[in-house]
Amino acid sequence: MDDEKLISLVESRSELYDKSNKFYKLQSRKDGVWNEIGRELNASGEMCRRRWLTLRDRYGREARKANAPSGSGTEFQRQWHLLDSMKFLKPHILPRPIRFSHNICVNNIATATGQSTDETVVQGDAQEESPPLWPLSPIGISPPSPSPPFPVAQSIPSPSP
């Protein structure tokens, strides 16, 4: 199957990828479109749909790699040969919100210390001042006391019968 031809056929039929298209949610219509594409490529509509899903997922991964910030540890790799032909998808793929442990830890510490979480929000590459992830002063830990923390009941002799 010719991937570039499949991509161009899908690009011309926006109901397959554009969520704002009024026919996007009509599965029966999309099945018919996939069957048309299959006839043009001498393949089944289902096979074309599956190949498209694979290409779309790969485009998402490659686009994330291309947009990775410098110094993020990604090595230089050759660009995927179909990346340019799938650029039409860029406005239709929304990035997922990124959560990483630093955000979670800082917000949890801020909440525990009573600070506003607005002061600790990480925005893009710039980070506002946030509290340290551990207390700066050592925590005083006292050894266990020799006596129990609660009163111990004295054993009372039972009355004789």
Protein backbone atom coordinates (compact mmCIF):
# COMPACT_ATOMS: atom_id res chain seq x y z
CA MET A 1 0.00 0.00 0.00
CA ASP A 2 1.32 3.44 -0.94
CA ASP A 3 1.46 5.44 2.30
CA GLU A 4 1.79 8.83 0.58
CA LYS A 5 -1.26 8.18 -1.57
CA LEU A 6 -3.21 7.03 1.51
CA ILE A 7 -2.21 10.22 3.31
CA SER A 8 -3.31 12.43 0.42
CA LEU A 9 -6.65 10.59 0.15
CA VAL A 10 -7.30 11.00 3.88
CA GLU A 11 -6.27 14.67 3.74
CA SER A 12 -8.95 15.30 1.11
CA ARG A 13 -11.62 13.78 3.38
CA SER A 14 -11.65 15.86 6.56
CA GLU A 15 -14.45 13.85 8.20
CA LEU A 16 -11.82 11.20 8.98
CA TYR A 17 -9.62 13.46 11.15
CA ASP A 18 -11.34 16.81 11.83
CA LYS A 19 -13.47 16.64 14.97
CA SER A 20 -15.24 19.88 14.03
CA ASN A 21 -16.53 18.32 10.78
CA LYS A 22 -20.26 17.63 11.03
CA PHE A 23 -19.78 14.07 9.70
CA TYR A 24 -16.90 13.14 12.04
CA LYS A 25 -19.13 11.23 14.47
CA LEU A 26 -21.11 9.37 11.81
CA GLN A 27 -19.38 5.99 11.81
CA SER A 28 -21.44 4.64 8.88
CA ARG A 29 -20.34 7.55 6.70
CA LYS A 30 -16.71 7.11 7.73
CA ASP A 31 -16.92 3.39 6.93
CA GLY A 32 -18.14 4.31 3.44
CA VAL A 33 -15.27 6.76 2.99
CA TRP A 34 -12.75 4.10 4.09
CA ASN A 35 -14.26 1.69 1.54
CA GLU A 36 -13.85 4.33 -1.21
CA ILE A 37 -10.23 4.85 -0.21
CA GLY A 38 -9.75 1.06 -0.20
CA ARG A 39 -11.09 0.79 -3.75
CA GLU A 40 -8.67 3.49 -4.93
CA LEU A 41 -5.74 1.70 -3.29
CA ASN A 42 -6.87 -1.85 -4.21
CA ALA A 43 -7.19 -2.83 -0.57
CA SER A 44 -9.98 -3.27 1.95
CA GLY A 45 -11.36 -0.24 3.75
CA GLU A 46 -10.50 -1.83 7.09
CA MET A 47 -6.90 -2.38 6.03
CA CYS A 48 -6.61 1.27 4.96
CA ARG A 49 -8.15 2.45 8.22
CA ARG A 50 -5.72 0.39 10.29
CA ARG A 51 -2.75 1.61 8.27
CA TRP A 52 -3.96 5.20 8.73
CA LEU A 53 -4.20 4.76 12.51
CA THR A 54 -0.62 3.48 12.54
CA LEU A 55 0.58 6.45 10.46
CA ARG A 56 -1.36 8.93 12.57
CA ASP A 57 0.09 7.57 15.80
CA ARG A 58 3.59 7.65 14.34
CA TYR A 59 3.05 11.26 13.24
CA GLY A 60 2.10 12.19 16.80
CA ARG A 61 5.27 10.61 18.20
CA GLU A 62 7.49 12.18 15.54
CA ALA A 63 5.91 15.62 16.01
CA ARG A 64 6.58 15.42 19.77
CA LYS A 65 10.19 14.47 19.08
CA ALA A 66 10.60 17.39 16.67
CA ASN A 67 9.17 19.83 19.23
CA ALA A 68 11.23 18.53 22.16
CA PRO A 69 13.11 21.35 23.89
CA SER A 70 16.84 21.50 23.39
CA GLY A 71 18.78 19.76 26.10
CA SER A 72 15.96 17.34 26.81
CA GLY A 73 18.19 14.37 26.11
CA THR A 74 16.89 13.56 22.66
CA GLU A 75 19.59 12.69 20.20
CA PHE A 76 19.58 13.98 16.65
CA GLN A 77 17.82 11.55 14.37
CA ARG A 78 16.83 11.75 10.76
CA GLN A 79 13.38 13.20 10.26
CA TRP A 80 10.63 10.72 9.42
CA HIS A 81 10.05 10.79 5.66
CA LEU A 82 6.26 11.23 5.97
CA LEU A 83 6.33 14.01 8.57
CA ASP A 84 5.93 16.83 6.04
CA SER A 85 3.10 15.16 4.15
CA MET A 86 1.13 14.78 7.40
CA LYS A 87 1.55 18.39 8.61
CA PHE A 88 -2.14 18.97 7.86
CA LEU A 89 -2.89 17.07 11.11
CA LYS A 90 -1.02 19.53 13.34
CA PRO A 91 -4.06 21.69 14.24
CA HIS A 92 -6.13 18.56 14.92
CA ILE A 93 -3.80 16.84 17.37
CA LEU A 94 -3.97 18.31 20.84
CA PRO A 95 -1.04 17.67 23.17
CA ARG A 96 -1.85 16.00 26.44
CA PRO A 97 -1.17 17.96 29.60
CA ILE A 98 2.24 17.10 30.97
CA ARG A 99 2.47 16.07 34.60
CA PHE A 100 5.75 15.17 36.10
CA SER A 101 6.82 14.37 39.61
CA HIS A 102 8.24 17.83 40.33
CA ASN A 103 4.82 19.45 39.84
CA ILE A 104 3.15 16.86 42.01
CA CYS A 105 5.74 17.06 44.81
CA VAL A 106 5.84 20.86 44.86
CA ASN A 107 2.06 21.15 44.91
CA ASN A 108 1.73 18.54 47.66
CA ILE A 109 4.38 20.27 49.80
CA ALA A 110 2.81 23.66 49.20
CA THR A 111 -0.55 22.30 50.27
CA ALA A 112 0.94 20.63 53.34
CA THR A 113 2.80 23.79 54.37
CA GLY A 114 -0.25 25.99 53.81
CA GLN A 115 1.20 27.95 50.89
CA SER A 116 -0.90 28.85 47.92
CA THR A 117 -0.38 26.47 45.00
CA ASP A 118 -0.47 29.48 42.66
CA GLU A 119 3.01 30.38 43.88
CA THR A 120 4.40 26.98 42.97
CA VAL A 121 3.02 26.44 39.47
CA VAL A 122 5.56 25.52 36.82
CA GLN A 123 4.95 27.38 33.58
CA GLY A 124 6.82 26.31 30.45
CA ASP A 125 10.57 26.38 31.00
CA ALA A 126 10.38 29.16 33.61
CA GLN A 127 9.72 28.07 37.16
CA GLU A 128 8.68 30.44 39.87
CA GLU A 129 10.32 30.16 43.27
CA SER A 130 9.06 27.11 45.07
CA PRO A 131 9.73 25.67 48.50
CA PRO A 132 12.45 23.03 48.80
CA LEU A 133 11.37 19.43 48.59
CA TRP A 134 12.72 18.74 52.10
CA PRO A 135 12.92 20.80 55.27
CA LEU A 136 16.09 22.83 55.60
CA SER A 137 16.33 22.37 59.37
CA PRO A 138 16.79 18.90 60.81
CA ILE A 139 13.68 17.37 62.23
CA GLY A 140 14.01 16.65 65.93
CA ILE A 141 13.19 13.06 66.68
CA SER A 142 13.03 12.13 70.33
CA PRO A 143 13.76 8.60 71.47
CA PRO A 144 10.81 6.62 72.73
CA SER A 145 9.93 7.24 76.35
CA PRO A 146 10.41 4.40 78.80
CA SER A 147 6.86 4.70 80.06
CA PRO A 148 3.86 4.06 77.85
CA PRO A 149 1.98 7.15 76.67
CA PHE A 150 -1.25 6.03 78.30
CA PRO A 151 -2.02 5.00 81.90
CA VAL A 152 -1.75 1.32 82.57
CA ALA A 153 -4.53 -0.13 84.68
CA GLN A 154 -3.36 -1.67 87.90
CA SER A 155 -4.23 -5.27 88.25
CA ILE A 156 -6.90 -5.55 90.92
CA PRO A 157 -7.17 -8.85 92.71
CA SER A 158 -10.43 -10.52 92.01
CA PRO A 159 -12.75 -10.94 95.00
CA SER A 160 -12.73 -14.38 96.51
CA PRO A 161 -15.94 -16.33 96.36
